[in-house]
Amino acid sequence: MSIKGVRLFPVLESSPRGRGPSQIVPVLAGLLLLSGCQKQPEEPVFPKPQRPVSPIVSPRFSNEDARDRIGEADTVMKLADIRAGMSVADIGAGEGYYTVRLAPLVGKEGRVLAQDIVPATIEGLARRVQRENLDNVAVKTGEPADPKLPERSFDRILMIHMYHEIESPLEFLWHIRDDMKPGGRVVVVDADRATDRHGTPPRLLICEFASLGFELTRFERLADTESYFAQFEPKLPRPQPTEIPVCPA
C-alpha cells in the first residue's frame, strides 16, 4: 500500500499485544506529514520566443509525388550523410514522407524513430509503417515542447518543415541536446519566410540554435523550392534554462 509516494508497511499485523488501531494513527499521520513536507522538484522555466508561431494545419507539407519529382528527400538525406546502420529521429513525421524513405536507407541494422504530437497523425503513421512492413521503424508520441526521445540515441535528428510550428523552440532544443550520440547532428529543412507564414528565416534559426550551444556546420539552398537545408552540431555546453538568450524576431 502507498499514499502519495510513501510506502506503508503492515504495522497493525506486527504490533505488540495490547496496542490497538488507535495507536497506529500517529504513525500514519507522521508519515503523511513527512510526505507533504518533501519538496517537489521545480520545473525549469524557459524563455519564450519573441516571434509568432505558426499553427499545425496539416500532417503533410506537400504532395509526395511533387516532392519526389524535385528529389527533395534524396537530396536532404544525401546532404545529411545518412548511411546504413544509423539511428535517425524524424521529428514531426506527419504522414511519414521521410520515415518510409529513411527506413530502407538505414537498413536492417539501422533504426528510425518517427515522432509526432497529433494523436490522429500518429495513428495514421503507425498504420502506414505496419502496412509497408517497416520493421526498423518505431512510432512515438511527443509533447509540444519536448519530443521525448531516448537520450544519447541518434546519429541524426531531422526536423523537416516543422520548426516554425514549435511553440517553445528554445525549450525544445534544450531537450534534444541530450538525445544525440557523440558526433550526432540536427538537420532542419524549412522555408525562408516569416514564422507566421510557415517558415523560419535562416538568420533566426541560426541564432536560436546558437542560444543552445549549437553551431551551423552546413547550409544549402534547395533547388526548385524556397526551402533550405541547415545542419547543426553541439559545440558549446548546454546552458541552464534561465541563461538561454532570446533572439530578436
C-alpha atoms as a PDB file:
ATOM      1  CA  MET A   1       0.000   0.000   0.000  1.00  0.00           C
ATOM      2  CA  SER A   2       1.238   3.525  -0.690  1.00  0.00           C
ATOM      3  CA  ILE A   3      -0.042   7.051  -0.060  1.00  0.00           C
ATOM      4  CA  LYS A   4       1.435   9.930  -2.017  1.00  0.00           C
ATOM      5  CA  GLY A   5       4.590   8.005  -2.757  1.00  0.00           C
ATOM      6  CA  VAL A   6       5.160   6.804   0.845  1.00  0.00           C
ATOM      7  CA  ARG A   7       5.019   3.058   1.275  1.00  0.00           C
ATOM      8  CA  LEU A   8       3.084   1.973   4.389  1.00  0.00           C
ATOM      9  CA  PHE A   9       4.163  -1.345   5.864  1.00  0.00           C
ATOM     10  CA  PRO A  10       1.588  -3.596   7.667  1.00  0.00           C
ATOM     11  CA  VAL A  11       2.282  -2.166  11.141  1.00  0.00           C
ATOM     12  CA  LEU A  12      -1.051  -3.380  12.541  1.00  0.00           C
ATOM     13  CA  GLU A  13      -0.307  -7.047  11.885  1.00  0.00           C
ATOM     14  CA  SER A  14       3.023  -6.949  13.729  1.00  0.00           C
ATOM     15  CA  SER A  15       2.002  -4.685  16.645  1.00  0.00           C
ATOM     16  CA  PRO A  16       2.804  -5.906  20.163  1.00  0.00           C
ATOM     17  CA  ARG A  17      -0.122  -7.252  22.222  1.00  0.00           C
ATOM     18  CA  GLY A  18      -2.222  -4.552  23.810  1.00  0.00           C
ATOM     19  CA  ARG A  19      -1.741  -1.951  21.112  1.00  0.00           C
ATOM     20  CA  GLY A  20      -4.828  -1.231  19.092  1.00  0.00           C
ATOM     21  CA  PRO A  21      -5.504   0.586  15.817  1.00  0.00           C
ATOM     22  CA  SER A  22      -5.783   3.923  17.644  1.00  0.00           C
ATOM     23  CA  GLN A  23      -2.065   3.764  18.364  1.00  0.00           C
ATOM     24  CA  ILE A  24      -1.304   3.348  14.654  1.00  0.00           C
ATOM     25  CA  VAL A  25      -2.855   6.708  13.791  1.00  0.00           C
ATOM     26  CA  PRO A  26       0.129   8.819  14.945  1.00  0.00           C
ATOM     27  CA  VAL A  27       2.457   6.673  12.830  1.00  0.00           C
ATOM     28  CA  LEU A  28       0.330   7.135   9.722  1.00  0.00           C
ATOM     29  CA  ALA A  29      -0.115  10.850  10.413  1.00  0.00           C
ATOM     30  CA  GLY A  30       3.621  11.269  10.807  1.00  0.00           C
ATOM     31  CA  LEU A  31       4.302   9.540   7.511  1.00  0.00           C
ATOM     32  CA  LEU A  32       1.779  11.715   5.715  1.00  0.00           C
ATOM     33  CA  LEU A  33       3.246  14.842   7.304  1.00  0.00           C
ATOM     34  CA  LEU A  34       6.735  13.898   6.139  1.00  0.00           C
ATOM     35  CA  SER A  35       5.381  13.184   2.670  1.00  0.00           C
ATOM     36  CA  GLY A  36       3.743  16.608   2.486  1.00  0.00           C
ATOM     37  CA  CYS A  37       6.910  18.341   3.663  1.00  0.00           C
ATOM     38  CA  GLN A  38       9.090  16.827   0.948  1.00  0.00           C
ATOM     39  CA  LYS A  39       9.902  19.448  -1.651  1.00  0.00           C
ATOM     40  CA  GLN A  40       8.799  18.641  -5.147  1.00  0.00           C
ATOM     41  CA  PRO A  41      11.428  19.401  -7.809  1.00  0.00           C
ATOM     42  CA  GLU A  42      10.679  22.677  -9.555  1.00  0.00           C
ATOM     43  CA  GLU A  43      10.043  22.618 -13.280  1.00  0.00           C
ATOM     44  CA  PRO A  44      12.632  24.681 -15.173  1.00  0.00           C
ATOM     45  CA  VAL A  45      11.344  27.916 -16.674  1.00  0.00           C
ATOM     46  CA  PHE A  46      12.365  28.539 -20.276  1.00  0.00           C
ATOM     47  CA  PRO A  47      12.281  31.863 -22.128  1.00  0.00           C
ATOM     48  CA  LYS A  48       9.578  32.339 -24.747  1.00  0.00           C
ATOM     49  CA  PRO A  49      10.444  33.353 -28.320  1.00  0.00           C
ATOM     50  CA  GLN A  50       9.856  36.968 -29.322  1.00  0.00           C
ATOM     51  CA  ARG A  51       8.155  35.932 -32.546  1.00  0.00           C
ATOM     52  CA  PRO A  52       4.916  34.367 -33.777  1.00  0.00           C
ATOM     53  CA  VAL A  53       4.497  30.602 -34.133  1.00  0.00           C
ATOM     54  CA  SER A  54       2.581  29.010 -36.997  1.00  0.00           C
ATOM     55  CA  PRO A  55      -0.243  26.618 -36.107  1.00  0.00           C
ATOM     56  CA  ILE A  56      -0.186  22.989 -37.214  1.00  0.00           C
ATOM     57  CA  VAL A  57      -2.559  22.921 -40.175  1.00  0.00           C
ATOM     58  CA  SER A  58      -1.786  19.619 -41.901  1.00  0.00           C
ATOM     59  CA  PRO A  59       0.151  16.361 -41.391  1.00  0.00           C
ATOM     60  CA  ARG A  60       1.777  16.872 -44.803  1.00  0.00           C
ATOM     61  CA  PHE A  61       3.934  19.637 -46.247  1.00  0.00           C
ATOM     62  CA  SER A  62       3.097  18.933 -49.887  1.00  0.00           C
ATOM     63  CA  ASN A  63       2.088  16.171 -52.276  1.00  0.00           C
ATOM     64  CA  GLU A  64       4.579  13.284 -52.066  1.00  0.00           C
ATOM     65  CA  ASP A  65       4.778  12.837 -55.845  1.00  0.00           C
ATOM     66  CA  ALA A  66       5.577  16.524 -56.278  1.00  0.00           C
ATOM     67  CA  ARG A  67       8.307  16.293 -53.659  1.00  0.00           C
ATOM     68  CA  ASP A  68       9.754  13.227 -55.340  1.00  0.00           C
ATOM     69  CA  ARG A  69       9.798  14.933 -58.742  1.00  0.00           C
ATOM     70  CA  ILE A  70      12.261  17.512 -57.421  1.00  0.00           C
ATOM     71  CA  GLY A  71      14.168  14.866 -55.474  1.00  0.00           C
ATOM     72  CA  GLU A  72      13.623  16.513 -52.093  1.00  0.00           C
ATOM     73  CA  ALA A  73      14.114  13.513 -49.800  1.00  0.00           C
ATOM     74  CA  ASP A  74      17.048  12.098 -51.780  1.00  0.00           C
ATOM     75  CA  THR A  75      18.786  15.478 -51.704  1.00  0.00           C
ATOM     76  CA  VAL A  76      18.225  16.052 -47.994  1.00  0.00           C
ATOM     77  CA  MET A  77      19.280  12.545 -46.962  1.00  0.00           C
ATOM     78  CA  LYS A  78      22.427  12.831 -49.079  1.00  0.00           C
ATOM     79  CA  LEU A  79      23.317  16.243 -47.633  1.00  0.00           C
ATOM     80  CA  ALA A  80      22.727  14.831 -44.132  1.00  0.00           C
ATOM     81  CA  ASP A  81      25.087  11.928 -44.922  1.00  0.00           C
ATOM     82  CA  ILE A  82      22.633   9.327 -43.653  1.00  0.00           C
ATOM     83  CA  ARG A  83      24.082   5.840 -44.036  1.00  0.00           C
ATOM     84  CA  ALA A  84      23.260   2.203 -43.339  1.00  0.00           C
ATOM     85  CA  GLY A  85      23.274   1.301 -39.664  1.00  0.00           C
ATOM     86  CA  MET A  86      22.456   4.794 -38.388  1.00  0.00           C
ATOM     87  CA  SER A  87      19.750   5.715 -35.900  1.00  0.00           C
ATOM     88  CA  VAL A  88      17.607   8.608 -37.129  1.00  0.00           C
ATOM     89  CA  ALA A  89      14.774  10.521 -35.444  1.00  0.00           C
ATOM     90  CA  ASP A  90      12.140  12.014 -37.755  1.00  0.00           C
ATOM     91  CA  ILE A  91      10.526  14.698 -35.573  1.00  0.00           C
ATOM     92  CA  GLY A  92       7.141  15.932 -36.748  1.00  0.00           C
ATOM     93  CA  ALA A  93       6.989  12.970 -39.110  1.00  0.00           C
ATOM     94  CA  GLY A  94       3.415  13.682 -40.204  1.00  0.00           C
ATOM     95  CA  GLU A  95       2.200  11.139 -42.738  1.00  0.00           C
ATOM     96  CA  GLY A  96       5.674   9.613 -42.957  1.00  0.00           C
ATOM     97  CA  TYR A  97       7.119  11.022 -46.185  1.00  0.00           C
ATOM     98  CA  TYR A  98      10.663  10.907 -44.816  1.00  0.00           C
ATOM     99  CA  THR A  99      10.106   7.962 -42.473  1.00  0.00           C
ATOM    100  CA  VAL A 100       9.359   5.463 -45.236  1.00  0.00           C
ATOM    101  CA  ARG A 101      12.352   6.690 -47.262  1.00  0.00           C
ATOM    102  CA  LEU A 102      14.735   6.640 -44.320  1.00  0.00           C
ATOM    103  CA  ALA A 103      13.887   3.044 -43.376  1.00  0.00           C
ATOM    104  CA  PRO A 104      15.473   1.325 -46.414  1.00  0.00           C
ATOM    105  CA  LEU A 105      18.418   3.731 -46.352  1.00  0.00           C
ATOM    106  CA  VAL A 106      19.497   2.897 -42.786  1.00  0.00           C
ATOM    107  CA  GLY A 107      18.766  -0.780 -43.427  1.00  0.00           C
ATOM    108  CA  LYS A 108      18.184  -3.694 -41.073  1.00  0.00           C
ATOM    109  CA  GLU A 109      20.968  -2.627 -38.728  1.00  0.00           C
ATOM    110  CA  GLY A 110      19.654   0.933 -38.527  1.00  0.00           C
ATOM    111  CA  ARG A 111      16.681   2.409 -36.713  1.00  0.00           C
ATOM    112  CA  VAL A 112      14.155   5.158 -37.451  1.00  0.00           C
ATOM    113  CA  LEU A 113      12.021   6.768 -34.760  1.00  0.00           C
ATOM    114  CA  ALA A 114       9.038   8.611 -36.238  1.00  0.00           C
ATOM    115  CA  GLN A 115       7.638  11.172 -33.799  1.00  0.00           C
ATOM    116  CA  ASP A 116       4.626  13.473 -33.837  1.00  0.00           C
ATOM    117  CA  ILE A 117       2.311  15.136 -31.315  1.00  0.00           C
ATOM    118  CA  VAL A 118      -1.103  14.834 -33.008  1.00  0.00           C
ATOM    119  CA  PRO A 119      -2.904  11.604 -31.983  1.00  0.00           C
ATOM    120  CA  ALA A 120      -4.738  11.140 -35.304  1.00  0.00           C
ATOM    121  CA  THR A 121      -1.489  11.671 -37.206  1.00  0.00           C
ATOM    122  CA  ILE A 122       0.313   9.136 -35.010  1.00  0.00           C
ATOM    123  CA  GLU A 123      -2.419   6.558 -35.665  1.00  0.00           C
ATOM    124  CA  GLY A 124      -2.235   7.048 -39.421  1.00  0.00           C
ATOM    125  CA  LEU A 125       1.563   6.923 -39.370  1.00  0.00           C
ATOM    126  CA  ALA A 126       1.556   3.689 -37.355  1.00  0.00           C
ATOM    127  CA  ARG A 127      -0.835   2.095 -39.853  1.00  0.00           C
ATOM    128  CA  ARG A 128       1.413   3.114 -42.738  1.00  0.00           C
ATOM    129  CA  VAL A 129       4.508   1.695 -41.044  1.00  0.00           C
ATOM    130  CA  GLN A 130       2.672  -1.573 -40.427  1.00  0.00           C
ATOM    131  CA  ARG A 131       1.238  -1.685 -43.938  1.00  0.00           C
ATOM    132  CA  GLU A 132       4.671  -1.209 -45.501  1.00  0.00           C
ATOM    133  CA  ASN A 133       6.298  -3.754 -43.149  1.00  0.00           C
ATOM    134  CA  LEU A 134       8.934  -1.341 -41.873  1.00  0.00           C
ATOM    135  CA  ASP A 135      10.381  -3.472 -39.098  1.00  0.00           C
ATOM    136  CA  ASN A 136      13.149  -0.983 -38.296  1.00  0.00           C
ATOM    137  CA  VAL A 137      10.725   1.888 -37.590  1.00  0.00           C
ATOM    138  CA  ALA A 138       9.150   2.812 -34.254  1.00  0.00           C
ATOM    139  CA  VAL A 139       6.417   5.426 -33.814  1.00  0.00           C
ATOM    140  CA  LYS A 140       6.325   7.668 -30.749  1.00  0.00           C
ATOM    141  CA  THR A 141       4.112  10.445 -29.399  1.00  0.00           C
ATOM    142  CA  GLY A 142       5.967  13.512 -28.156  1.00  0.00           C
ATOM    143  CA  GLU A 143       4.965  16.763 -26.489  1.00  0.00           C
ATOM    144  CA  PRO A 144       4.892  20.272 -27.992  1.00  0.00           C
ATOM    145  CA  ALA A 145       7.954  21.428 -26.018  1.00  0.00           C
ATOM    146  CA  ASP A 146       9.747  18.075 -25.662  1.00  0.00           C
ATOM    147  CA  PRO A 147       9.971  15.345 -28.316  1.00  0.00           C
ATOM    148  CA  LYS A 148      10.514  12.756 -25.554  1.00  0.00           C
ATOM    149  CA  LEU A 149      13.346  10.999 -27.344  1.00  0.00           C
ATOM    150  CA  PRO A 150      15.607   8.462 -25.634  1.00  0.00           C
ATOM    151  CA  GLU A 151      18.875  10.044 -24.540  1.00  0.00           C
ATOM    152  CA  ARG A 152      22.144   9.623 -26.472  1.00  0.00           C
ATOM    153  CA  SER A 153      20.441   7.518 -29.140  1.00  0.00           C
ATOM    154  CA  PHE A 154      20.619   9.274 -32.524  1.00  0.00           C
ATOM    155  CA  ASP A 155      23.173   9.924 -35.233  1.00  0.00           C
ATOM    156  CA  ARG A 156      20.782  12.319 -36.952  1.00  0.00           C
ATOM    157  CA  ILE A 157      17.694  14.212 -35.818  1.00  0.00           C
ATOM    158  CA  LEU A 158      15.569  15.529 -38.695  1.00  0.00           C
ATOM    159  CA  MET A 159      13.121  18.414 -38.337  1.00  0.00           C
ATOM    160  CA  ILE A 160      11.519  18.813 -41.756  1.00  0.00           C
ATOM    161  CA  HIS A 161       9.142  21.718 -42.434  1.00  0.00           C
ATOM    162  CA  MET A 162       8.038  21.833 -38.803  1.00  0.00           C
ATOM    163  CA  TYR A 163      10.411  24.084 -36.855  1.00  0.00           C
ATOM    164  CA  HIS A 164       8.125  27.106 -37.307  1.00  0.00           C
ATOM    165  CA  GLU A 165       5.321  25.168 -35.546  1.00  0.00           C
ATOM    166  CA  ILE A 166       7.246  24.600 -32.288  1.00  0.00           C
ATOM    167  CA  GLU A 167       5.603  26.687 -29.566  1.00  0.00           C
ATOM    168  CA  SER A 168       8.675  26.752 -27.282  1.00  0.00           C
ATOM    169  CA  PRO A 169      11.658  26.302 -29.616  1.00  0.00           C
ATOM    170  CA  LEU A 170      14.334  27.079 -27.008  1.00  0.00           C
ATOM    171  CA  GLU A 171      12.919  24.518 -24.586  1.00  0.00           C
ATOM    172  CA  PHE A 172      12.576  22.024 -27.444  1.00  0.00           C
ATOM    173  CA  LEU A 173      16.217  22.437 -28.496  1.00  0.00           C
ATOM    174  CA  TRP A 174      17.341  22.226 -24.873  1.00  0.00           C
ATOM    175  CA  HIS A 175      15.821  18.751 -24.646  1.00  0.00           C
ATOM    176  CA  ILE A 176      17.258  17.345 -27.872  1.00  0.00           C
ATOM    177  CA  ARG A 177      20.796  18.309 -26.827  1.00  0.00           C
ATOM    178  CA  ASP A 178      20.895  15.109 -24.753  1.00  0.00           C
ATOM    179  CA  ASP A 179      19.339  12.887 -27.415  1.00  0.00           C
ATOM    180  CA  MET A 180      22.266  12.684 -29.829  1.00  0.00           C
ATOM    181  CA  LYS A 181      25.142  10.251 -29.919  1.00  0.00           C
ATOM    182  CA  PRO A 182      28.676  11.714 -29.965  1.00  0.00           C
ATOM    183  CA  GLY A 183      29.110  13.267 -33.395  1.00  0.00           C
ATOM    184  CA  GLY A 184      25.358  13.484 -33.917  1.00  0.00           C
ATOM    185  CA  ARG A 185      23.777  16.239 -35.991  1.00  0.00           C
ATOM    186  CA  VAL A 186      20.447  18.045 -36.194  1.00  0.00           C
ATOM    187  CA  VAL A 187      19.060  18.783 -39.656  1.00  0.00           C
ATOM    188  CA  VAL A 188      16.387  21.409 -40.293  1.00  0.00           C
ATOM    189  CA  VAL A 189      14.583  21.943 -43.585  1.00  0.00           C
ATOM    190  CA  ASP A 190      12.259  24.941 -43.678  1.00  0.00           C
ATOM    191  CA  ALA A 191      11.006  27.665 -45.970  1.00  0.00           C
ATOM    192  CA  ASP A 192      12.805  31.006 -45.991  1.00  0.00           C
ATOM    193  CA  ARG A 193       9.905  33.168 -44.874  1.00  0.00           C
ATOM    194  CA  ALA A 194       8.438  34.613 -41.688  1.00  0.00           C
ATOM    195  CA  THR A 195       7.463  32.240 -38.887  1.00  0.00           C
ATOM    196  CA  ASP A 196       3.800  33.269 -39.093  1.00  0.00           C
ATOM    197  CA  ARG A 197       3.855  32.252 -42.777  1.00  0.00           C
ATOM    198  CA  HIS A 198       5.008  28.677 -42.127  1.00  0.00           C
ATOM    199  CA  GLY A 199       8.724  29.226 -42.457  1.00  0.00           C
ATOM    200  CA  THR A 200      11.782  30.340 -40.493  1.00  0.00           C
ATOM    201  CA  PRO A 201      14.265  32.989 -41.651  1.00  0.00           C
ATOM    202  CA  PRO A 202      17.753  31.382 -41.648  1.00  0.00           C
ATOM    203  CA  ARG A 203      19.156  34.207 -39.516  1.00  0.00           C
ATOM    204  CA  LEU A 204      16.604  33.492 -36.783  1.00  0.00           C
ATOM    205  CA  LEU A 205      17.093  29.723 -36.984  1.00  0.00           C
ATOM    206  CA  ILE A 206      20.875  30.012 -36.640  1.00  0.00           C
ATOM    207  CA  CYS A 207      20.506  32.415 -33.711  1.00  0.00           C
ATOM    208  CA  GLU A 208      18.094  30.169 -31.797  1.00  0.00           C
ATOM    209  CA  PHE A 209      20.304  27.108 -32.275  1.00  0.00           C
ATOM    210  CA  ALA A 210      23.349  29.115 -31.173  1.00  0.00           C
ATOM    211  CA  SER A 211      21.476  30.043 -27.987  1.00  0.00           C
ATOM    212  CA  LEU A 212      21.616  26.361 -27.037  1.00  0.00           C
ATOM    213  CA  GLY A 213      25.277  25.870 -27.950  1.00  0.00           C
ATOM    214  CA  PHE A 214      24.784  24.524 -31.489  1.00  0.00           C
ATOM    215  CA  GLU A 215      26.972  25.563 -34.400  1.00  0.00           C
ATOM    216  CA  LEU A 216      25.864  25.706 -38.035  1.00  0.00           C
ATOM    217  CA  THR A 217      28.062  23.253 -39.961  1.00  0.00           C
ATOM    218  CA  ARG A 218      26.318  23.233 -43.344  1.00  0.00           C
ATOM    219  CA  PHE A 219      23.785  25.400 -45.149  1.00  0.00           C
ATOM    220  CA  GLU A 220      22.370  24.816 -48.636  1.00  0.00           C
ATOM    221  CA  ARG A 221      19.533  26.268 -50.671  1.00  0.00           C
ATOM    222  CA  LEU A 222      17.330  23.501 -52.061  1.00  0.00           C
ATOM    223  CA  ALA A 223      16.780  23.615 -55.805  1.00  0.00           C
ATOM    224  CA  ASP A 224      13.346  24.397 -57.243  1.00  0.00           C
ATOM    225  CA  THR A 225      11.941  25.462 -53.859  1.00  0.00           C
ATOM    226  CA  GLU A 226      12.155  28.380 -51.444  1.00  0.00           C
ATOM    227  CA  SER A 227      13.405  25.968 -48.791  1.00  0.00           C
ATOM    228  CA  TYR A 228      16.851  25.486 -47.317  1.00  0.00           C
ATOM    229  CA  PHE A 229      18.880  22.759 -45.584  1.00  0.00           C
ATOM    230  CA  ALA A 230      20.616  23.661 -42.314  1.00  0.00           C
ATOM    231  CA  GLN A 231      22.778  21.284 -40.286  1.00  0.00           C
ATOM    232  CA  PHE A 232      23.877  21.857 -36.693  1.00  0.00           C
ATOM    233  CA  GLU A 233      26.233  20.192 -34.241  1.00  0.00           C
ATOM    234  CA  PRO A 234      26.520  20.815 -30.484  1.00  0.00           C
ATOM    235  CA  LYS A 235      29.775  22.647 -29.779  1.00  0.00           C
ATOM    236  CA  LEU A 236      29.320  24.563 -26.516  1.00  0.00           C
ATOM    237  CA  PRO A 237      27.924  23.340 -23.172  1.00  0.00           C
ATOM    238  CA  ARG A 238      24.147  23.352 -22.840  1.00  0.00           C
ATOM    239  CA  PRO A 239      23.105  26.446 -20.850  1.00  0.00           C
ATOM    240  CA  GLN A 240      20.795  26.411 -17.879  1.00  0.00           C
ATOM    241  CA  PRO A 241      17.197  27.293 -18.867  1.00  0.00           C
ATOM    242  CA  THR A 242      17.348  30.714 -17.189  1.00  0.00           C
ATOM    243  CA  GLU A 243      20.593  31.537 -19.035  1.00  0.00           C
ATOM    244  CA  ILE A 244      19.278  30.943 -22.569  1.00  0.00           C
ATOM    245  CA  PRO A 245      19.366  34.182 -24.583  1.00  0.00           C
ATOM    246  CA  VAL A 246      16.311  35.101 -26.663  1.00  0.00           C
ATOM    247  CA  CYS A 247      16.859  36.060 -30.296  1.00  0.00           C
ATOM    248  CA  PRO A 248      15.213  39.151 -31.797  1.00  0.00           C
ATOM    249  CA  ALA A 249      12.397  38.388 -34.212  1.00  0.00           C
END
